[in-house]
Amino acid sequence: MQRVRTSKQWFAVIAAGLALAGAVAVAAPKTGSTVTVRVMSAKVMKSPKFIGPAAGSVSRGDQLTIAEIKGDWYRVTGAKTGWINRTSVVEGKVALSSSPGGGGAASRDEVELAGRGFTPDVEEEYRGKHPDLDFSHVEAIEKTGIDLSELGAFVDEGGLGGDQ
């Protein structure tokens, strides 16, 4: 036998679901709190938008202090001062370690490679198994950078927007 719910019962189910969803929502960090860069590298921007001049870059593990919050953007101080998008950081202090349980220190290159799932040993092994592959193009791309000031001028000149 199939049970038919009344509109009041459906309302109660929906209200309970919304209440539960609100209860598990994660609160945004507050001004003065510490965030840790969670991506391999991130640009700290001069203004809270993706396209425009950068104030510099930060690396995974760098800890920053939130000075101001504007939507999904945090004005931070620390390794660099400027604006970073919330997607590049995690709230709190996160200590990186090269060994289980802490201790030891990982180099910046090791942290970045681990973030991509590579270590120097894994890369060397892969290259050894594939001597017929030409890695020069990959190496050239990895060295390529974008001048965000030039990109911002290009966006403005083309009327493409950029206040994202």
Protein backbone atom coordinates (compact mmCIF):
# COMPACT_ATOMS: atom_id res chain seq x y z
CA MET A 1 0.00 0.00 0.00
CA GLN A 2 1.43 3.38 -1.02
CA ARG A 3 1.23 6.22 1.48
CA VAL A 4 0.17 9.65 0.23
CA ARG A 5 1.51 12.65 2.10
CA THR A 6 -0.54 15.75 2.75
CA SER A 7 0.75 19.23 1.92
CA LYS A 8 1.33 19.83 5.65
CA GLN A 9 3.47 16.70 5.85
CA TRP A 10 5.48 17.75 2.78
CA PHE A 11 5.96 21.20 4.29
CA ALA A 12 7.26 19.62 7.51
CA VAL A 13 9.68 17.40 5.55
CA ILE A 14 10.98 20.35 3.52
CA ALA A 15 11.28 22.59 6.60
CA ALA A 16 13.23 19.88 8.44
CA GLY A 17 15.55 19.45 5.46
CA LEU A 18 16.22 23.18 5.25
CA ALA A 19 16.88 23.35 8.98
CA LEU A 20 19.33 20.46 8.73
CA ALA A 21 21.08 22.08 5.76
CA GLY A 22 21.43 25.32 7.70
CA ALA A 23 22.83 23.48 10.70
CA VAL A 24 25.65 21.91 8.66
CA ALA A 25 26.56 25.08 6.74
CA VAL A 26 30.16 26.06 7.35
CA ALA A 27 30.66 29.51 8.80
CA ALA A 28 33.01 31.83 6.93
CA PRO A 29 36.23 32.86 8.64
CA LYS A 30 36.17 36.12 10.56
CA THR A 31 38.37 39.19 10.37
CA GLY A 32 41.56 38.53 12.32
CA SER A 33 41.47 34.76 11.82
CA THR A 34 44.24 32.76 10.18
CA VAL A 35 43.86 30.92 6.89
CA THR A 36 46.31 28.55 5.22
CA VAL A 37 46.92 28.40 1.47
CA ARG A 38 45.60 25.02 0.32
CA VAL A 39 46.54 25.15 -3.36
CA MET A 40 49.97 24.70 -4.91
CA SER A 41 50.26 28.42 -5.56
CA ALA A 42 47.82 31.31 -5.64
CA LYS A 43 47.92 34.93 -6.73
CA VAL A 44 47.26 37.59 -4.15
CA MET A 45 45.51 40.34 -6.06
CA LYS A 46 45.66 44.11 -5.59
CA SER A 47 41.86 44.25 -5.73
CA PRO A 48 39.18 41.61 -5.08
CA LYS A 49 38.86 40.23 -8.61
CA PHE A 50 40.47 37.45 -10.63
CA ILE A 51 41.75 39.58 -13.47
CA GLY A 52 44.00 42.53 -12.80
CA PRO A 53 47.33 43.31 -11.23
CA ALA A 54 48.68 40.89 -8.65
CA ALA A 55 50.34 41.90 -5.41
CA GLY A 56 52.34 38.68 -5.48
CA SER A 57 51.87 34.97 -5.01
CA VAL A 58 51.72 32.58 -2.08
CA SER A 59 52.36 28.85 -1.85
CA ARG A 60 50.67 25.90 -0.23
CA GLY A 61 51.11 26.08 3.51
CA ASP A 62 51.60 29.84 3.74
CA GLN A 63 49.55 31.27 6.59
CA LEU A 64 47.74 34.56 6.16
CA THR A 65 45.65 36.76 8.45
CA ILE A 66 42.28 38.03 7.24
CA ALA A 67 42.04 41.83 7.50
CA GLU A 68 38.76 42.28 5.60
CA ILE A 69 36.11 40.14 3.91
CA LYS A 70 34.29 41.16 0.74
CA GLY A 71 32.06 38.36 -0.60
CA ASP A 72 34.29 35.44 -1.58
CA TRP A 73 37.43 37.56 -1.27
CA TYR A 74 39.66 38.00 1.78
CA ARG A 75 42.06 40.92 2.16
CA VAL A 76 45.02 39.22 3.80
CA THR A 77 48.34 40.08 5.37
CA GLY A 78 51.28 37.81 5.92
CA ALA A 79 53.58 36.40 3.23
CA LYS A 80 51.87 38.90 0.88
CA THR A 81 49.29 41.60 1.40
CA GLY A 82 46.30 41.85 -0.91
CA TRP A 83 43.15 39.94 -1.85
CA ILE A 84 42.81 36.15 -2.17
CA ASN A 85 39.76 34.15 -3.17
CA ARG A 86 38.29 31.86 -0.52
CA THR A 87 38.76 28.82 -2.80
CA SER A 88 42.54 29.05 -2.39
CA VAL A 89 42.61 28.86 1.41
CA VAL A 90 41.33 26.81 4.32
CA GLU A 91 40.50 28.27 7.71
CA GLY A 92 43.00 27.67 10.48
CA LYS A 93 46.67 26.96 10.79
CA VAL A 94 47.75 23.85 8.91
CA ALA A 95 51.26 22.53 9.46
CA LEU A 96 52.86 20.69 6.55
CA SER A 97 55.20 17.83 7.25
CA SER A 98 57.26 15.46 5.14
CA SER A 99 56.80 12.56 7.55
CA PRO A 100 53.76 10.93 9.16
CA GLY A 101 53.02 12.43 12.54
CA GLY A 102 55.04 15.60 11.95
CA GLY A 103 58.70 16.42 12.25
CA GLY A 104 61.03 17.02 9.34
CA ALA A 105 60.50 19.72 6.79
CA ALA A 106 59.43 19.44 3.19
CA SER A 107 60.97 21.76 0.64
CA ARG A 108 58.71 24.05 -1.38
CA ASP A 109 59.33 21.95 -4.48
CA GLU A 110 58.43 18.75 -2.62
CA VAL A 111 55.19 20.28 -1.33
CA GLU A 112 54.23 21.52 -4.79
CA LEU A 113 55.03 18.19 -6.44
CA ALA A 114 53.14 16.27 -3.75
CA GLY A 115 50.17 18.53 -4.39
CA ARG A 116 50.17 17.32 -7.99
CA GLY A 117 50.69 13.72 -6.88
CA PHE A 118 54.32 13.75 -8.04
CA THR A 119 57.55 13.48 -6.14
CA PRO A 120 60.96 13.75 -7.82
CA ASP A 121 61.23 9.94 -7.54
CA VAL A 122 57.84 9.36 -9.21
CA GLU A 123 58.69 11.79 -12.02
CA GLU A 124 62.09 10.17 -12.57
CA GLU A 125 60.51 6.71 -12.64
CA TYR A 126 57.86 7.86 -15.15
CA ARG A 127 60.50 9.41 -17.41
CA GLY A 128 62.53 6.20 -17.16
CA LYS A 129 59.54 4.10 -18.25
CA HIS A 130 58.83 6.43 -21.17
CA PRO A 131 62.20 7.36 -22.74
CA ASP A 132 60.48 7.84 -26.11
CA LEU A 133 58.42 10.80 -24.83
CA ASP A 134 59.54 14.39 -25.35
CA PHE A 135 59.02 16.32 -22.11
CA SER A 136 60.44 19.61 -23.41
CA HIS A 137 56.96 20.98 -24.15
CA VAL A 138 55.74 20.18 -20.64
CA GLU A 139 58.82 21.84 -19.16
CA ALA A 140 58.29 24.94 -21.34
CA ILE A 141 54.64 25.22 -20.28
CA GLU A 142 55.57 24.88 -16.60
CA LYS A 143 57.93 27.85 -17.00
CA THR A 144 55.27 29.99 -18.69
CA GLY A 145 53.80 32.82 -16.67
CA ILE A 146 51.10 35.36 -17.29
CA ASP A 147 51.53 39.03 -16.46
CA LEU A 148 48.19 39.73 -14.78
CA SER A 149 48.54 43.47 -15.39
CA GLU A 150 48.77 42.82 -19.14
CA LEU A 151 45.86 40.40 -18.93
CA GLY A 152 43.80 43.05 -17.09
CA ALA A 153 44.60 45.63 -19.78
CA PHE A 154 43.60 43.13 -22.47
CA VAL A 155 40.29 42.44 -20.69
CA ASP A 156 39.56 46.15 -20.24
CA GLU A 157 40.50 47.01 -23.83
CA GLY A 158 38.29 44.24 -25.17
CA GLY A 159 35.39 45.13 -22.88
CA LEU A 160 35.38 41.58 -21.53
CA GLY A 161 34.67 42.41 -17.89
CA GLY A 162 36.78 40.96 -15.16
CA ASP A 163 35.08 42.11 -11.98
CA GLN A 164 34.46 38.54 -10.91
